[in-house]
Amino acid sequence: MSRSTTQCSNCGKTIFKEQGRIKGSKNNFCDKECKKQWHLKPETIKARFMHYVNIIDSNTWLWTGSTKNGYGQFGVNGVMLYTHRISYELFIGEIPEDRCVLHGYDDNRLNICPKNLWLGSKSDNSRDCVKKGRGVDRSGSKHGQSKLTEDNVIEIRKMHETNLYTHNYISKMFGVSRCLVTSILNKRSWLHI
């Protein structure tokens, strides 16, 4: 009885069909290592990734796969990654280590269209989150450690404009450090006022 042969989907080596069938796979592989290597090829990752993308129009690519905290996620080499980051890397380019991938105009976290994604700093990401109503605004008096209110800051700035009060005097009056008063007056803190 002759046994039928096929090619390994990764390396092309000739194998017997029953030998190459790995449980749960539609492809044939020499062994589990060959299957793992095949899954890590960029073209394979992109094809697997796009299988879960529903392209509505040129600005809307909806993720239909697994989600966590409202964001799509996708497994690569046994690690779950956020889909907006994968989409950025596949279609735009590398993400610098100090950058975040932010969602643009529509604020739909499942829209992973490259046109809808942009790079920003961690500060940009925090501000964007608060602006879109998802994060907690901890600026000014909303910060748990704040000793001042927005009205106090306005008063501090008005007092300084008169040139009658020193930074030291103002700081003692409000029970804060001179450095904080200087920072407020130089607009390095309490920027929202």
N, C-alpha and C. Protein backbone atom coordinates (compact mmCIF):
# COMPACT_ATOMS: atom_id res chain seq x y z
N MET A 1 0.85 -1.18 0.00
CA MET A 1 0.00 0.00 0.00
C MET A 1 0.89 1.24 0.00
N SER A 2 0.62 2.15 -0.94
CA SER A 2 1.45 3.35 -1.01
C SER A 2 0.86 4.45 -0.14
N ARG A 3 1.74 5.20 0.48
CA ARG A 3 1.30 6.30 1.35
C ARG A 3 1.43 7.60 0.56
N SER A 4 0.46 8.50 0.70
CA SER A 4 0.53 9.76 -0.05
C SER A 4 1.42 10.75 0.69
N THR A 5 2.06 11.60 -0.09
CA THR A 5 2.99 12.58 0.49
C THR A 5 2.48 13.99 0.22
N THR A 6 3.02 14.90 0.97
CA THR A 6 2.71 16.33 0.81
C THR A 6 3.94 17.14 1.20
N GLN A 7 3.86 18.43 1.09
CA GLN A 7 4.97 19.31 1.46
C GLN A 7 4.67 19.97 2.81
N CYS A 8 5.71 20.18 3.61
CA CYS A 8 5.58 20.93 4.86
C CYS A 8 5.23 22.37 4.48
N SER A 9 4.21 22.94 5.10
CA SER A 9 3.77 24.30 4.78
C SER A 9 4.82 25.35 5.11
N ASN A 10 5.78 25.01 5.96
CA ASN A 10 6.81 25.97 6.34
C ASN A 10 8.09 25.79 5.54
N CYS A 11 8.69 24.60 5.61
CA CYS A 11 10.02 24.42 5.01
C CYS A 11 9.99 23.74 3.64
N GLY A 12 8.87 23.15 3.26
CA GLY A 12 8.75 22.52 1.96
C GLY A 12 9.23 21.08 1.91
N LYS A 13 9.70 20.55 3.02
CA LYS A 13 10.19 19.17 3.08
C LYS A 13 9.05 18.20 2.77
N THR A 14 9.34 17.16 2.04
CA THR A 14 8.34 16.15 1.70
C THR A 14 8.08 15.28 2.93
N ILE A 15 6.79 15.13 3.25
CA ILE A 15 6.39 14.33 4.41
C ILE A 15 5.18 13.49 4.04
N PHE A 16 4.93 12.45 4.81
CA PHE A 16 3.73 11.65 4.62
C PHE A 16 2.56 12.42 5.21
N LYS A 17 1.42 12.41 4.53
CA LYS A 17 0.27 13.20 4.95
C LYS A 17 -0.13 12.95 6.41
N GLU A 18 -0.22 11.68 6.79
CA GLU A 18 -0.65 11.39 8.16
C GLU A 18 0.40 11.84 9.19
N GLN A 19 1.67 11.89 8.79
CA GLN A 19 2.73 12.35 9.69
C GLN A 19 2.65 13.87 9.87
N GLY A 20 2.30 14.59 8.81
CA GLY A 20 2.32 16.05 8.83
C GLY A 20 1.11 16.71 9.46
N ARG A 21 0.06 15.97 9.67
CA ARG A 21 -1.16 16.56 10.20
C ARG A 21 -1.00 16.77 11.70
N ILE A 22 -0.93 18.02 12.11
CA ILE A 22 -0.84 18.34 13.54
C ILE A 22 -2.23 18.76 13.99
N LYS A 23 -2.68 18.22 15.09
CA LYS A 23 -4.03 18.46 15.60
C LYS A 23 -4.38 19.95 15.59
N GLY A 24 -5.55 20.27 15.05
CA GLY A 24 -6.03 21.65 15.04
C GLY A 24 -5.45 22.50 13.92
N SER A 25 -4.73 21.90 12.99
CA SER A 25 -4.10 22.66 11.92
C SER A 25 -4.69 22.30 10.57
N LYS A 26 -4.86 23.29 9.71
CA LYS A 26 -5.34 23.05 8.34
C LYS A 26 -4.16 22.84 7.41
N ASN A 27 -2.96 23.08 7.88
CA ASN A 27 -1.75 22.93 7.08
C ASN A 27 -0.99 21.69 7.53
N ASN A 28 0.03 21.35 6.75
CA ASN A 28 0.89 20.21 7.08
C ASN A 28 2.27 20.72 7.46
N PHE A 29 2.79 20.18 8.55
CA PHE A 29 4.10 20.59 9.04
C PHE A 29 4.93 19.37 9.39
N CYS A 30 6.27 19.52 9.29
CA CYS A 30 7.19 18.44 9.69
C CYS A 30 7.02 18.13 11.17
N ASP A 31 6.97 19.20 11.96
CA ASP A 31 6.87 19.06 13.41
C ASP A 31 6.30 20.34 14.01
N LYS A 32 6.16 20.36 15.32
CA LYS A 32 5.57 21.53 15.99
C LYS A 32 6.45 22.77 15.85
N GLU A 33 7.76 22.59 15.80
CA GLU A 33 8.68 23.73 15.64
C GLU A 33 8.47 24.39 14.28
N CYS A 34 8.27 23.60 13.25
CA CYS A 34 8.02 24.14 11.90
C CYS A 34 6.71 24.93 11.89
N LYS A 35 5.69 24.40 12.59
CA LYS A 35 4.41 25.09 12.67
C LYS A 35 4.60 26.44 13.38
N LYS A 36 5.37 26.46 14.45
CA LYS A 36 5.62 27.69 15.22
C LYS A 36 6.34 28.72 14.34
N GLN A 37 7.35 28.28 13.60
CA GLN A 37 8.09 29.18 12.71
C GLN A 37 7.16 29.77 11.64
N TRP A 38 6.27 28.94 11.10
CA TRP A 38 5.35 29.39 10.06
C TRP A 38 4.42 30.49 10.60
N HIS A 39 3.95 30.30 11.84
CA HIS A 39 3.04 31.27 12.46
C HIS A 39 3.72 32.61 12.72
N LEU A 40 5.05 32.63 12.82
CA LEU A 40 5.77 33.86 13.10
C LEU A 40 6.22 34.61 11.85
N LYS A 41 6.01 34.03 10.68
CA LYS A 41 6.37 34.73 9.44
C LYS A 41 5.46 35.94 9.29
N PRO A 42 6.04 37.10 8.92
CA PRO A 42 5.21 38.32 8.79
C PRO A 42 3.99 38.15 7.89
N GLU A 43 4.14 37.46 6.76
CA GLU A 43 3.00 37.29 5.86
C GLU A 43 1.91 36.41 6.47
N THR A 44 2.31 35.45 7.31
CA THR A 44 1.34 34.59 7.99
C THR A 44 0.61 35.38 9.08
N ILE A 45 1.36 36.17 9.85
CA ILE A 45 0.76 36.99 10.90
C ILE A 45 -0.25 37.94 10.29
N LYS A 46 0.11 38.59 9.19
CA LYS A 46 -0.78 39.55 8.54
C LYS A 46 -2.05 38.86 8.04
N ALA A 47 -1.91 37.68 7.44
CA ALA A 47 -3.08 36.95 6.93
C ALA A 47 -4.00 36.51 8.08
N ARG A 48 -3.40 36.00 9.16
CA ARG A 48 -4.20 35.59 10.32
C ARG A 48 -4.90 36.80 10.93
N PHE A 49 -4.16 37.90 11.03
CA PHE A 49 -4.68 39.14 11.61
C PHE A 49 -5.87 39.66 10.80
N MET A 50 -5.70 39.74 9.48
CA MET A 50 -6.74 40.30 8.61
C MET A 50 -7.99 39.43 8.56
N HIS A 51 -7.86 38.17 8.94
CA HIS A 51 -9.02 37.28 9.00
C HIS A 51 -10.07 37.82 9.98
N TYR A 52 -9.64 38.57 11.00
CA TYR A 52 -10.53 39.09 12.03
C TYR A 52 -10.90 40.56 11.83
N VAL A 53 -10.58 41.10 10.66
CA VAL A 53 -10.86 42.52 10.39
C VAL A 53 -12.00 42.63 9.39
N ASN A 54 -13.01 43.41 9.76
CA ASN A 54 -14.14 43.68 8.88
C ASN A 54 -13.94 45.10 8.32
N ILE A 55 -13.56 45.18 7.03
CA ILE A 55 -13.31 46.49 6.42
C ILE A 55 -14.64 47.06 5.94
N ILE A 56 -15.10 48.09 6.63
CA ILE A 56 -16.37 48.74 6.30
C ILE A 56 -16.17 49.75 5.17
N ASP A 57 -15.18 50.62 5.32
CA ASP A 57 -14.81 51.59 4.29
C ASP A 57 -13.34 51.93 4.49
N SER A 58 -12.83 52.93 3.75
CA SER A 58 -11.40 53.23 3.81
C SER A 58 -10.95 53.80 5.16
N ASN A 59 -11.88 54.20 6.02
CA ASN A 59 -11.55 54.75 7.34
C ASN A 59 -11.99 53.87 8.50
N THR A 60 -12.66 52.77 8.22
CA THR A 60 -13.22 51.94 9.28
C THR A 60 -12.88 50.47 9.06
N TRP A 61 -11.99 49.96 9.88
CA TRP A 61 -11.62 48.55 9.89
C TRP A 61 -11.96 48.03 11.29
N LEU A 62 -13.04 47.31 11.42
CA LEU A 62 -13.47 46.85 12.74
C LEU A 62 -12.88 45.49 13.10
N TRP A 63 -12.32 45.41 14.30
CA TRP A 63 -11.78 44.16 14.81
C TRP A 63 -12.92 43.29 15.28
N THR A 64 -12.96 42.04 14.82
CA THR A 64 -14.04 41.13 15.17
C THR A 64 -13.58 39.98 16.06
N GLY A 65 -12.31 39.96 16.40
CA GLY A 65 -11.75 38.88 17.21
C GLY A 65 -11.85 39.17 18.70
N SER A 66 -10.94 38.60 19.43
CA SER A 66 -10.91 38.70 20.88
C SER A 66 -10.71 40.14 21.35
N THR A 67 -11.33 40.48 22.50
CA THR A 67 -11.18 41.83 23.06
C THR A 67 -10.86 41.77 24.55
N LYS A 68 -10.29 42.87 25.04
CA LYS A 68 -10.02 43.01 26.46
C LYS A 68 -10.07 44.50 26.77
N ASN A 69 -10.87 44.88 27.75
CA ASN A 69 -11.03 46.29 28.15
C ASN A 69 -11.45 47.18 26.98
N GLY A 70 -12.22 46.62 26.06
CA GLY A 70 -12.70 47.40 24.93
C GLY A 70 -11.75 47.47 23.74
N TYR A 71 -10.55 46.93 23.90
CA TYR A 71 -9.56 46.93 22.82
C TYR A 71 -9.45 45.53 22.23
N GLY A 72 -9.21 45.45 20.92
CA GLY A 72 -8.98 44.16 20.29
C GLY A 72 -7.64 43.61 20.73
N GLN A 73 -7.55 42.28 20.77
CA GLN A 73 -6.26 41.66 21.08
C GLN A 73 -6.05 40.46 20.18
N PHE A 74 -4.78 40.17 19.93
CA PHE A 74 -4.40 39.15 18.95
C PHE A 74 -3.13 38.47 19.44
N GLY A 75 -3.08 37.14 19.34
CA GLY A 75 -1.93 36.39 19.83
C GLY A 75 -0.83 36.24 18.79
N VAL A 76 0.39 36.55 19.20
CA VAL A 76 1.58 36.34 18.38
C VAL A 76 2.61 35.66 19.26
N ASN A 77 3.01 34.44 18.87
CA ASN A 77 3.99 33.66 19.61
C ASN A 77 3.58 33.47 21.08
N GLY A 78 2.30 33.23 21.30
CA GLY A 78 1.80 32.96 22.63
C GLY A 78 1.57 34.18 23.50
N VAL A 79 1.75 35.37 22.93
CA VAL A 79 1.57 36.62 23.69
C VAL A 79 0.41 37.40 23.08
N MET A 80 -0.52 37.84 23.93
CA MET A 80 -1.65 38.63 23.44
C MET A 80 -1.22 40.09 23.34
N LEU A 81 -1.43 40.69 22.16
CA LEU A 81 -1.06 42.07 21.90
C LEU A 81 -2.29 42.86 21.49
N TYR A 82 -2.27 44.17 21.74
CA TYR A 82 -3.39 45.01 21.32
C TYR A 82 -3.37 45.19 19.81
N THR A 83 -4.55 45.07 19.20
CA THR A 83 -4.65 45.07 17.74
C THR A 83 -4.34 46.43 17.10
N HIS A 84 -4.61 47.54 17.81
CA HIS A 84 -4.29 48.83 17.20
C HIS A 84 -2.78 48.99 17.06
N ARG A 85 -2.01 48.40 17.96
CA ARG A 85 -0.55 48.45 17.86
C ARG A 85 -0.06 47.56 16.71
N ILE A 86 -0.66 46.38 16.58
CA ILE A 86 -0.27 45.46 15.49
C ILE A 86 -0.61 46.10 14.15
N SER A 87 -1.80 46.68 14.04
CA SER A 87 -2.22 47.34 12.80
C SER A 87 -1.24 48.44 12.42
N TYR A 88 -0.84 49.24 13.40
CA TYR A 88 0.12 50.32 13.14
C TYR A 88 1.43 49.74 12.60
N GLU A 89 1.94 48.70 13.25
CA GLU A 89 3.21 48.11 12.83
C GLU A 89 3.12 47.43 11.47
N LEU A 90 2.00 46.77 11.19
CA LEU A 90 1.86 46.09 9.90
C LEU A 90 1.71 47.06 8.73
N PHE A 91 1.00 48.17 8.94
CA PHE A 91 0.66 49.03 7.81
C PHE A 91 1.34 50.39 7.79
N ILE A 92 1.93 50.81 8.90
CA ILE A 92 2.60 52.12 8.94
C ILE A 92 4.08 51.96 9.22
N GLY A 93 4.42 51.27 10.29
CA GLY A 93 5.83 51.07 10.61
C GLY A 93 6.05 50.80 12.07
N GLU A 94 7.32 50.78 12.43
CA GLU A 94 7.72 50.46 13.80
C GLU A 94 7.24 51.53 14.79
N ILE A 95 6.93 51.09 15.99
CA ILE A 95 6.51 52.00 17.06
C ILE A 95 7.72 52.24 17.96
N PRO A 96 8.19 53.49 18.05
CA PRO A 96 9.31 53.76 18.96
C PRO A 96 8.94 53.37 20.39
N GLU A 97 9.94 52.98 21.16
CA GLU A 97 9.72 52.46 22.51
C GLU A 97 8.98 53.43 23.42
N ASP A 98 9.21 54.72 23.24
CA ASP A 98 8.61 55.73 24.14
C ASP A 98 7.28 56.27 23.62
N ARG A 99 6.68 55.60 22.64
CA ARG A 99 5.44 56.09 22.02
C ARG A 99 4.27 55.16 22.25
N CYS A 100 3.08 55.74 22.25
CA CYS A 100 1.82 55.00 22.34
C CYS A 100 1.10 55.15 21.00
N VAL A 101 0.25 54.19 20.67
CA VAL A 101 -0.58 54.30 19.47
C VAL A 101 -1.97 54.74 19.95
N LEU A 102 -2.42 55.89 19.44
CA LEU A 102 -3.69 56.47 19.86
C LEU A 102 -4.71 56.36 18.74
N HIS A 103 -5.99 56.31 19.12
CA HIS A 103 -7.08 56.29 18.16
C HIS A 103 -7.46 57.71 17.80
N GLY A 104 -7.77 57.91 16.53
CA GLY A 104 -8.04 59.26 16.03
C GLY A 104 -9.48 59.70 16.14
N TYR A 105 -9.99 60.16 15.02
CA TYR A 105 -11.24 60.90 14.94
C TYR A 105 -12.47 60.23 15.52
N ASP A 106 -12.63 58.92 15.37
CA ASP A 106 -13.92 58.31 15.77
C ASP A 106 -13.92 57.73 17.17
N ASP A 107 -12.78 57.60 17.80
CA ASP A 107 -12.67 57.09 19.17
C ASP A 107 -13.28 55.71 19.37
N ASN A 108 -13.36 54.92 18.30
CA ASN A 108 -13.83 53.54 18.42
C ASN A 108 -12.59 52.68 18.61
N ARG A 109 -12.45 52.09 19.79
CA ARG A 109 -11.24 51.32 20.10
C ARG A 109 -11.12 50.05 19.26
N LEU A 110 -12.22 49.63 18.62
CA LEU A 110 -12.16 48.46 17.75
C LEU A 110 -11.88 48.85 16.30
N ASN A 111 -11.84 50.13 16.00
CA ASN A 111 -11.47 50.59 14.65
C ASN A 111 -9.95 50.65 14.59
N ILE A 112 -9.37 49.71 13.85
CA ILE A 112 -7.91 49.61 13.78
C ILE A 112 -7.39 50.03 12.42
N CYS A 113 -8.18 50.83 11.70
CA CYS A 113 -7.75 51.34 10.39
C CYS A 113 -6.49 52.20 10.60
N PRO A 114 -5.44 51.95 9.83
CA PRO A 114 -4.21 52.74 9.99
C PRO A 114 -4.43 54.25 9.88
N LYS A 115 -5.40 54.69 9.07
CA LYS A 115 -5.70 56.12 8.93
C LYS A 115 -6.24 56.71 10.24
N ASN A 116 -6.75 55.86 11.11
CA ASN A 116 -7.36 56.28 12.36
C ASN A 116 -6.38 56.24 13.54
N LEU A 117 -5.14 55.86 13.27
CA LEU A 117 -4.16 55.69 14.34
C LEU A 117 -3.04 56.72 14.23
N TRP A 118 -2.53 57.16 15.37
CA TRP A 118 -1.40 58.09 15.37
C TRP A 118 -0.53 57.85 16.59
N LEU A 119 0.72 58.25 16.51
CA LEU A 119 1.65 58.07 17.62
C LEU A 119 1.63 59.27 18.53
N GLY A 120 1.74 59.02 19.81
CA GLY A 120 1.80 60.10 20.79
C GLY A 120 2.61 59.65 22.00
N SER A 121 2.92 60.61 22.85
CA SER A 121 3.65 60.30 24.09
C SER A 121 2.68 59.73 25.12
N LYS A 122 3.20 59.30 26.24
CA LYS A 122 2.33 58.82 27.31
C LYS A 122 1.44 59.95 27.83
N SER A 123 1.97 61.17 27.84
CA SER A 123 1.17 62.34 28.25
C SER A 123 0.04 62.58 27.26
N ASP A 124 0.35 62.49 25.96
CA ASP A 124 -0.68 62.64 24.92
C ASP A 124 -1.78 61.61 25.14
N ASN A 125 -1.38 60.38 25.43
CA ASN A 125 -2.33 59.29 25.63
C ASN A 125 -3.23 59.57 26.82
N SER A 126 -2.66 60.05 27.92
CA SER A 126 -3.45 60.36 29.13
C SER A 126 -4.43 61.50 28.85
N ARG A 127 -3.94 62.56 28.20
CA ARG A 127 -4.82 63.70 27.88
C ARG A 127 -5.95 63.27 26.93
N ASP A 128 -5.60 62.45 25.94
CA ASP A 128 -6.59 61.97 24.97
C ASP A 128 -7.65 61.12 25.67
N CYS A 129 -7.22 60.30 26.60
CA CYS A 129 -8.13 59.45 27.37
C CYS A 129 -9.12 60.28 28.17
N VAL A 130 -8.63 61.31 28.85
CA VAL A 130 -9.49 62.19 29.65
C VAL A 130 -10.43 62.97 28.74
N LYS A 131 -9.89 63.49 27.63
CA LYS A 131 -10.68 64.28 26.69
C LYS A 131 -11.85 63.48 26.12
N LYS A 132 -11.62 62.18 25.92
CA LYS A 132 -12.65 61.32 25.35
C LYS A 132 -13.56 60.71 26.42
N GLY A 133 -13.36 61.11 27.67
CA GLY A 133 -14.25 60.69 28.74
C GLY A 133 -14.00 59.31 29.29
N ARG A 134 -12.84 58.72 29.00
CA ARG A 134 -12.56 57.38 29.50
C ARG A 134 -11.68 57.39 30.74
N GLY A 135 -10.87 58.40 30.88
CA GLY A 135 -9.94 58.44 32.00
C GLY A 135 -10.46 59.33 33.11
N VAL A 136 -9.72 59.38 34.17
CA VAL A 136 -10.07 60.22 35.30
C VAL A 136 -9.24 61.49 35.21
N ASP A 137 -9.91 62.63 35.26
CA ASP A 137 -9.21 63.91 35.23
C ASP A 137 -8.69 64.20 36.63
N ARG A 138 -7.38 64.19 36.77
CA ARG A 138 -6.76 64.45 38.07
C ARG A 138 -5.99 65.76 38.04
N SER A 139 -6.42 66.67 37.18
CA SER A 139 -5.71 67.95 37.11
C SER A 139 -6.26 68.90 38.17
N GLY A 140 -5.38 69.80 38.62
CA GLY A 140 -5.78 70.83 39.57
C GLY A 140 -6.33 70.29 40.87
N SER A 141 -7.43 70.87 41.31
CA SER A 141 -8.01 70.51 42.61
C SER A 141 -8.62 69.10 42.61
N LYS A 142 -8.76 68.48 41.44
CA LYS A 142 -9.30 67.12 41.37
C LYS A 142 -8.25 66.08 41.78
N HIS A 143 -6.99 66.53 41.85
CA HIS A 143 -5.92 65.63 42.28
C HIS A 143 -6.03 65.45 43.80
N GLY A 144 -5.93 64.24 44.25
CA GLY A 144 -6.10 63.93 45.67
C GLY A 144 -5.11 64.60 46.61
N GLN A 145 -3.94 64.97 46.11
CA GLN A 145 -2.92 65.59 46.95
C GLN A 145 -2.91 67.12 46.86
N SER A 146 -3.81 67.69 46.09
CA SER A 146 -3.82 69.14 45.87
C SER A 146 -4.19 69.90 47.14
N LYS A 147 -3.40 70.96 47.41
CA LYS A 147 -3.70 71.84 48.55
C LYS A 147 -4.40 73.11 48.06
N LEU A 148 -4.42 73.31 46.76
CA LEU A 148 -4.98 74.54 46.19
C LEU A 148 -6.23 74.23 45.37
N THR A 149 -7.03 75.27 45.17
CA THR A 149 -8.17 75.19 44.27
C THR A 149 -7.85 76.06 43.05
N GLU A 150 -8.66 75.96 42.02
CA GLU A 150 -8.47 76.80 40.84
C GLU A 150 -8.57 78.28 41.22
N ASP A 151 -9.48 78.62 42.12
CA ASP A 151 -9.62 80.01 42.58
C ASP A 151 -8.35 80.49 43.28
N ASN A 152 -7.72 79.61 44.08
CA ASN A 152 -6.46 79.96 44.73
C ASN A 152 -5.38 80.30 43.71
N VAL A 153 -5.30 79.52 42.66
CA VAL A 153 -4.27 79.73 41.63
C VAL A 153 -4.51 81.06 40.91
N ILE A 154 -5.77 81.37 40.61
CA ILE A 154 -6.09 82.66 39.98
C ILE A 154 -5.69 83.80 40.90
N GLU A 155 -5.97 83.64 42.19
CA GLU A 155 -5.61 84.67 43.17
C GLU A 155 -4.09 84.82 43.28
N ILE A 156 -3.37 83.69 43.27
CA ILE A 156 -1.89 83.74 43.33
C ILE A 156 -1.35 84.53 42.14
N ARG A 157 -1.88 84.28 40.97
CA ARG A 157 -1.41 84.99 39.76
C ARG A 157 -1.75 86.48 39.82
N LYS A 158 -2.94 86.81 40.34
CA LYS A 158 -3.32 88.22 40.48
C LYS A 158 -2.42 88.94 41.49
N MET A 159 -2.14 88.26 42.61
CA MET A 159 -1.27 88.85 43.63
C MET A 159 0.12 89.14 43.05
N HIS A 160 0.62 88.22 42.25
CA HIS A 160 1.94 88.40 41.67
C HIS A 160 1.97 89.56 40.68
N GLU A 161 0.89 89.73 39.93
CA GLU A 161 0.82 90.82 38.93
C GLU A 161 0.93 92.21 39.58
N THR A 162 0.54 92.32 40.85
CA THR A 162 0.58 93.63 41.53
C THR A 162 2.00 94.03 41.92
N ASN A 163 2.93 93.06 41.90
CA ASN A 163 4.32 93.29 42.32
C ASN A 163 4.42 93.71 43.79
N LEU A 164 3.42 93.42 44.59
CA LEU A 164 3.44 93.77 46.01
C LEU A 164 3.85 92.59 46.89
N TYR A 165 3.81 91.38 46.35
CA TYR A 165 4.03 90.18 47.16
C TYR A 165 5.18 89.36 46.58
N THR A 166 6.01 88.84 47.45
CA THR A 166 7.09 87.94 47.02
C THR A 166 6.53 86.52 46.90
N HIS A 167 7.30 85.68 46.21
CA HIS A 167 6.90 84.27 46.09
C HIS A 167 6.85 83.62 47.47
N ASN A 168 7.80 84.01 48.33
CA ASN A 168 7.84 83.48 49.69
C ASN A 168 6.58 83.83 50.47
N TYR A 169 6.18 85.08 50.40
CA TYR A 169 4.99 85.55 51.12
C TYR A 169 3.75 84.80 50.63
N ILE A 170 3.62 84.72 49.31
CA ILE A 170 2.45 84.04 48.72
C ILE A 170 2.43 82.57 49.16
N SER A 171 3.59 81.92 49.15
CA SER A 171 3.63 80.50 49.51
C SER A 171 3.19 80.27 50.96
N LYS A 172 3.63 81.15 51.86
CA LYS A 172 3.23 81.02 53.28
C LYS A 172 1.74 81.30 53.45
N MET A 173 1.24 82.25 52.69
CA MET A 173 -0.18 82.61 52.78
C MET A 173 -1.10 81.43 52.40
N PHE A 174 -0.66 80.65 51.39
CA PHE A 174 -1.48 79.53 50.90
C PHE A 174 -1.03 78.18 51.45
N GLY A 175 0.03 78.16 52.26
CA GLY A 175 0.50 76.91 52.87
C GLY A 175 1.11 75.93 51.88
N VAL A 176 1.80 76.46 50.86
CA VAL A 176 2.47 75.61 49.87
C VAL A 176 3.93 76.06 49.76
N SER A 177 4.72 75.30 49.03
CA SER A 177 6.14 75.65 48.90
C SER A 177 6.34 76.82 47.93
N ARG A 178 7.48 77.52 48.13
CA ARG A 178 7.82 78.61 47.23
C ARG A 178 8.02 78.07 45.81
N CYS A 179 8.58 76.87 45.70
CA CYS A 179 8.80 76.25 44.38
C CYS A 179 7.48 76.07 43.64
N LEU A 180 6.43 75.66 44.35
CA LEU A 180 5.13 75.48 43.70
C LEU A 180 4.59 76.83 43.21
N VAL A 181 4.71 77.86 44.02
CA VAL A 181 4.25 79.19 43.61
C VAL A 181 5.00 79.63 42.35
N THR A 182 6.30 79.45 42.34
CA THR A 182 7.11 79.80 41.16
C THR A 182 6.67 79.00 39.95
N SER A 183 6.43 77.72 40.16
CA SER A 183 5.98 76.84 39.07
C SER A 183 4.62 77.29 38.51
N ILE A 184 3.72 77.70 39.38
CA ILE A 184 2.40 78.21 38.95
C ILE A 184 2.57 79.50 38.16
N LEU A 185 3.40 80.40 38.66
CA LEU A 185 3.59 81.69 38.00
C LEU A 185 4.34 81.58 36.67
N ASN A 186 5.20 80.57 36.55
CA ASN A 186 5.92 80.34 35.29
C ASN A 186 5.16 79.40 34.36
N LYS A 187 3.92 79.06 34.76
CA LYS A 187 3.02 78.20 33.98
C LYS A 187 3.64 76.83 33.67
N ARG A 188 4.33 76.27 34.67
CA ARG A 188 4.81 74.92 34.56
C ARG A 188 3.86 73.95 35.29
N SER A 189 3.00 74.46 36.11
CA SER A 189 1.97 73.66 36.74
C SER A 189 0.66 74.43 36.72
N TRP A 190 -0.43 73.72 36.93
CA TRP A 190 -1.77 74.29 36.83
C TRP A 190 -1.96 74.93 35.45
N LEU A 191 -1.58 74.19 34.43
CA LEU A 191 -1.62 74.70 33.05
C LEU A 191 -3.05 74.90 32.54
N HIS A 192 -3.98 74.16 33.11
CA HIS A 192 -5.37 74.24 32.63
C HIS A 192 -6.05 75.55 33.04
N ILE A 193 -5.38 76.38 33.83
CA ILE A 193 -5.95 77.67 34.25
C ILE A 193 -5.16 78.78 33.61
